[in-house]
């Protein structure tokens, strides 16, 4: 493990089903009105999901690796629970996170950033 993955493990401890990208039904993604399958069939949904997945510049720390460097932050989501069994209950609540591009690449593809060494 690298220092990068150690930070992610520490910051996301207790989080299950973590994934990057916008999430239908998420208020913070601006997709609250698209929580059901029927509403996701509309053309408006395709435009909204594309817009929600775009990165926005922020000085806020990445919710995954904790990097405080300014840069684009992208949506990610996961379920906070004690166990995976708890995370799979019907009343689960999906939590919104904002992550840096390095974490998008790591969570989506397993690619760690080049540290230059």
C-alpha atoms as a PDB file:
ATOM      1  CA  UNK A   1       0.000   0.000   0.000  1.00  0.00           C
ATOM      2  CA  UNK A   2       1.088   3.547  -0.660  1.00  0.00           C
ATOM      3  CA  UNK A   3       0.590   6.681   1.415  1.00  0.00           C
ATOM      4  CA  UNK A   4      -2.199   7.592  -1.033  1.00  0.00           C
ATOM      5  CA  UNK A   5      -4.145   4.363  -0.464  1.00  0.00           C
ATOM      6  CA  UNK A   6      -3.485   4.532   3.289  1.00  0.00           C
ATOM      7  CA  UNK A   7      -5.169   7.961   3.388  1.00  0.00           C
ATOM      8  CA  UNK A   8      -8.135   6.644   1.403  1.00  0.00           C
ATOM      9  CA  UNK A   9      -8.500   3.632   3.711  1.00  0.00           C
ATOM     10  CA  UNK A  10      -8.436   5.933   6.747  1.00  0.00           C
ATOM     11  CA  UNK A  11     -10.838   8.529   5.292  1.00  0.00           C
ATOM     12  CA  UNK A  12     -13.357   6.019   3.927  1.00  0.00           C
ATOM     13  CA  UNK A  13     -13.351   3.568   6.838  1.00  0.00           C
ATOM     14  CA  UNK A  14     -16.902   2.363   7.480  1.00  0.00           C
ATOM     15  CA  UNK A  15     -17.999   3.202   3.956  1.00  0.00           C
ATOM     16  CA  UNK A  16     -19.492   0.538   1.691  1.00  0.00           C
ATOM     17  CA  UNK A  17     -20.474   0.430  -1.995  1.00  0.00           C
ATOM     18  CA  UNK A  18     -18.376   3.481  -2.813  1.00  0.00           C
ATOM     19  CA  UNK A  19     -18.500   4.607  -6.437  1.00  0.00           C
ATOM     20  CA  UNK A  20     -17.599   7.709  -8.379  1.00  0.00           C
ATOM     21  CA  UNK A  21     -20.094   9.579 -10.531  1.00  0.00           C
ATOM     22  CA  UNK A  22     -23.420  11.305 -10.188  1.00  0.00           C
ATOM     23  CA  UNK A  23     -26.295   9.442  -8.539  1.00  0.00           C
ATOM     24  CA  UNK A  24     -29.993   9.602  -9.507  1.00  0.00           C
ATOM     25  CA  UNK A  25     -32.037  10.867  -6.581  1.00  0.00           C
ATOM     26  CA  UNK A  26     -29.102  12.753  -4.971  1.00  0.00           C
ATOM     27  CA  UNK A  27     -29.949  16.288  -3.835  1.00  0.00           C
ATOM     28  CA  UNK A  28     -26.329  17.448  -3.977  1.00  0.00           C
ATOM     29  CA  UNK A  29     -25.927  16.183  -7.554  1.00  0.00           C
ATOM     30  CA  UNK A  30     -29.089  18.104  -8.479  1.00  0.00           C
ATOM     31  CA  UNK A  31     -30.779  14.844  -9.436  1.00  0.00           C
ATOM     32  CA  UNK A  32     -33.337  14.529  -6.628  1.00  0.00           C
ATOM     33  CA  UNK A  33     -36.255  14.514  -9.077  1.00  0.00           C
ATOM     34  CA  UNK A  34     -34.777  11.537 -10.975  1.00  0.00           C
ATOM     35  CA  UNK A  35     -35.064   8.951  -8.216  1.00  0.00           C
ATOM     36  CA  UNK A  36     -37.363   6.550 -10.059  1.00  0.00           C
ATOM     37  CA  UNK A  37     -36.726   4.499 -13.191  1.00  0.00           C
ATOM     38  CA  UNK A  38     -39.454   6.213 -15.228  1.00  0.00           C
ATOM     39  CA  UNK A  39     -38.006   9.711 -14.763  1.00  0.00           C
ATOM     40  CA  UNK A  40     -34.570   8.432 -15.824  1.00  0.00           C
ATOM     41  CA  UNK A  41     -35.953   7.652 -19.292  1.00  0.00           C
ATOM     42  CA  UNK A  42     -36.328  11.334 -20.190  1.00  0.00           C
ATOM     43  CA  UNK A  43     -33.930  13.359 -22.298  1.00  0.00           C
ATOM     44  CA  UNK A  44     -33.794  15.916 -19.478  1.00  0.00           C
ATOM     45  CA  UNK A  45     -32.271  13.249 -17.269  1.00  0.00           C
ATOM     46  CA  UNK A  46     -29.446  12.573 -19.750  1.00  0.00           C
ATOM     47  CA  UNK A  47     -28.564  16.279 -19.781  1.00  0.00           C
ATOM     48  CA  UNK A  48     -28.833  16.554 -15.987  1.00  0.00           C
ATOM     49  CA  UNK A  49     -26.667  13.483 -15.280  1.00  0.00           C
ATOM     50  CA  UNK A  50     -23.986  14.739 -17.687  1.00  0.00           C
ATOM     51  CA  UNK A  51     -23.959  18.141 -16.006  1.00  0.00           C
ATOM     52  CA  UNK A  52     -23.831  16.592 -12.524  1.00  0.00           C
ATOM     53  CA  UNK A  53     -20.811  14.466 -13.458  1.00  0.00           C
ATOM     54  CA  UNK A  54     -18.762  17.491 -14.528  1.00  0.00           C
ATOM     55  CA  UNK A  55     -16.078  18.586 -12.112  1.00  0.00           C
ATOM     56  CA  UNK A  56     -16.247  21.908 -10.312  1.00  0.00           C
ATOM     57  CA  UNK A  57     -13.177  23.758  -9.057  1.00  0.00           C
ATOM     58  CA  UNK A  58     -12.860  23.820  -5.282  1.00  0.00           C
ATOM     59  CA  UNK A  59     -10.341  24.569  -2.578  1.00  0.00           C
ATOM     60  CA  UNK A  60     -12.104  22.061  -0.311  1.00  0.00           C
ATOM     61  CA  UNK A  61     -10.233  18.909   0.666  1.00  0.00           C
ATOM     62  CA  UNK A  62     -10.951  15.720  -1.235  1.00  0.00           C
ATOM     63  CA  UNK A  63     -13.354  13.550   0.773  1.00  0.00           C
ATOM     64  CA  UNK A  64     -11.459  10.410  -0.276  1.00  0.00           C
ATOM     65  CA  UNK A  65      -7.697  11.057  -0.028  1.00  0.00           C
ATOM     66  CA  UNK A  66      -7.881  14.295   1.958  1.00  0.00           C
ATOM     67  CA  UNK A  67      -5.759  16.312  -0.474  1.00  0.00           C
ATOM     68  CA  UNK A  68      -6.094  20.004   0.279  1.00  0.00           C
ATOM     69  CA  UNK A  69      -4.795  21.117  -3.102  1.00  0.00           C
ATOM     70  CA  UNK A  70      -7.241  23.130  -5.138  1.00  0.00           C
ATOM     71  CA  UNK A  71      -8.662  21.426  -8.195  1.00  0.00           C
ATOM     72  CA  UNK A  72     -11.743  19.931  -9.719  1.00  0.00           C
ATOM     73  CA  UNK A  73     -13.948  17.875  -7.444  1.00  0.00           C
ATOM     74  CA  UNK A  74     -16.266  15.208  -8.815  1.00  0.00           C
ATOM     75  CA  UNK A  75     -19.285  13.483  -7.271  1.00  0.00           C
ATOM     76  CA  UNK A  76     -18.987  10.110  -5.577  1.00  0.00           C
ATOM     77  CA  UNK A  77     -21.360   8.153  -3.362  1.00  0.00           C
ATOM     78  CA  UNK A  78     -21.321   5.463  -0.747  1.00  0.00           C
ATOM     79  CA  UNK A  79     -23.189   3.992   2.200  1.00  0.00           C
ATOM     80  CA  UNK A  80     -21.924   4.581   5.734  1.00  0.00           C
ATOM     81  CA  UNK A  81     -22.557   1.511   7.869  1.00  0.00           C
ATOM     82  CA  UNK A  82     -20.899  -0.678  10.493  1.00  0.00           C
ATOM     83  CA  UNK A  83     -21.011  -3.787   8.298  1.00  0.00           C
ATOM     84  CA  UNK A  84     -21.788  -4.703   4.713  1.00  0.00           C
ATOM     85  CA  UNK A  85     -24.911  -6.446   6.001  1.00  0.00           C
ATOM     86  CA  UNK A  86     -26.110  -3.139   7.505  1.00  0.00           C
ATOM     87  CA  UNK A  87     -25.265  -1.316   4.260  1.00  0.00           C
ATOM     88  CA  UNK A  88     -27.538  -3.633   2.270  1.00  0.00           C
ATOM     89  CA  UNK A  89     -30.695  -2.965   4.288  1.00  0.00           C
ATOM     90  CA  UNK A  90     -33.603  -1.448   2.328  1.00  0.00           C
ATOM     91  CA  UNK A  91     -33.587   1.794   4.317  1.00  0.00           C
ATOM     92  CA  UNK A  92     -29.948   2.544   3.463  1.00  0.00           C
ATOM     93  CA  UNK A  93     -28.973   6.148   2.942  1.00  0.00           C
ATOM     94  CA  UNK A  94     -26.553   7.056   0.190  1.00  0.00           C
ATOM     95  CA  UNK A  95     -24.063   9.769   1.136  1.00  0.00           C
ATOM     96  CA  UNK A  96     -22.619  12.275  -1.356  1.00  0.00           C
ATOM     97  CA  UNK A  97     -18.853  12.923  -1.466  1.00  0.00           C
ATOM     98  CA  UNK A  98     -16.648  15.271  -3.493  1.00  0.00           C
ATOM     99  CA  UNK A  99     -13.410  13.714  -4.726  1.00  0.00           C
ATOM    100  CA  UNK A 100     -10.348  14.827  -6.694  1.00  0.00           C
ATOM    101  CA  UNK A 101      -9.437  13.547 -10.148  1.00  0.00           C
ATOM    102  CA  UNK A 102      -6.738  11.262  -8.680  1.00  0.00           C
ATOM    103  CA  UNK A 103      -9.395   9.549  -6.554  1.00  0.00           C
ATOM    104  CA  UNK A 104     -11.792   9.289  -9.495  1.00  0.00           C
ATOM    105  CA  UNK A 105      -9.103   7.400 -11.415  1.00  0.00           C
ATOM    106  CA  UNK A 106      -8.206   5.257  -8.400  1.00  0.00           C
ATOM    107  CA  UNK A 107     -11.781   4.279  -7.490  1.00  0.00           C
ATOM    108  CA  UNK A 108     -12.851   3.755 -11.104  1.00  0.00           C
ATOM    109  CA  UNK A 109      -9.758   1.983 -12.463  1.00  0.00           C
ATOM    110  CA  UNK A 110      -7.365   1.251  -9.590  1.00  0.00           C
ATOM    111  CA  UNK A 111      -4.846   3.754 -10.983  1.00  0.00           C
ATOM    112  CA  UNK A 112      -2.716   5.478  -8.342  1.00  0.00           C
ATOM    113  CA  UNK A 113      -1.274   8.901  -9.113  1.00  0.00           C
ATOM    114  CA  UNK A 114       2.358   9.103 -10.162  1.00  0.00           C
ATOM    115  CA  UNK A 115       4.327  10.515  -7.248  1.00  0.00           C
ATOM    116  CA  UNK A 116       7.269  11.421  -9.453  1.00  0.00           C
ATOM    117  CA  UNK A 117       9.693   9.097  -7.668  1.00  0.00           C
END
